[in-house]
Amino acid sequence: MLALTRKTGDAIMINNNIEITVLEVRGDQVKIGISAPKEVSIYRKEVYLEIQKENEAAQEAAQSISLDDIEALKNLL
């Protein structure tokens, strides 16, 4: 992990196309701004972990579908 010290208004660049700027420091909270291309997904870590958990659950559910279930759906149509 790279640890940097920055002041309000300072920024760092990642891969020439992502800029992270320190917007405000208030007590033990730091407000940052992130400028990145639209195709770059940016999530808070707790949200990212929840998305991963939901994706794993969906994948497990999809794997539990049997060929009989698929045939039953076809027969309904």
Foldseek 3Di string as FASTA:
>chain_A
DDDDDDDAQDWDDDPNFKIKGFHDDDPPDTDIDIGHDPVDDDDDPVVVVVVVVVVVVVVVVVVPQDPVNVVVVVVVD
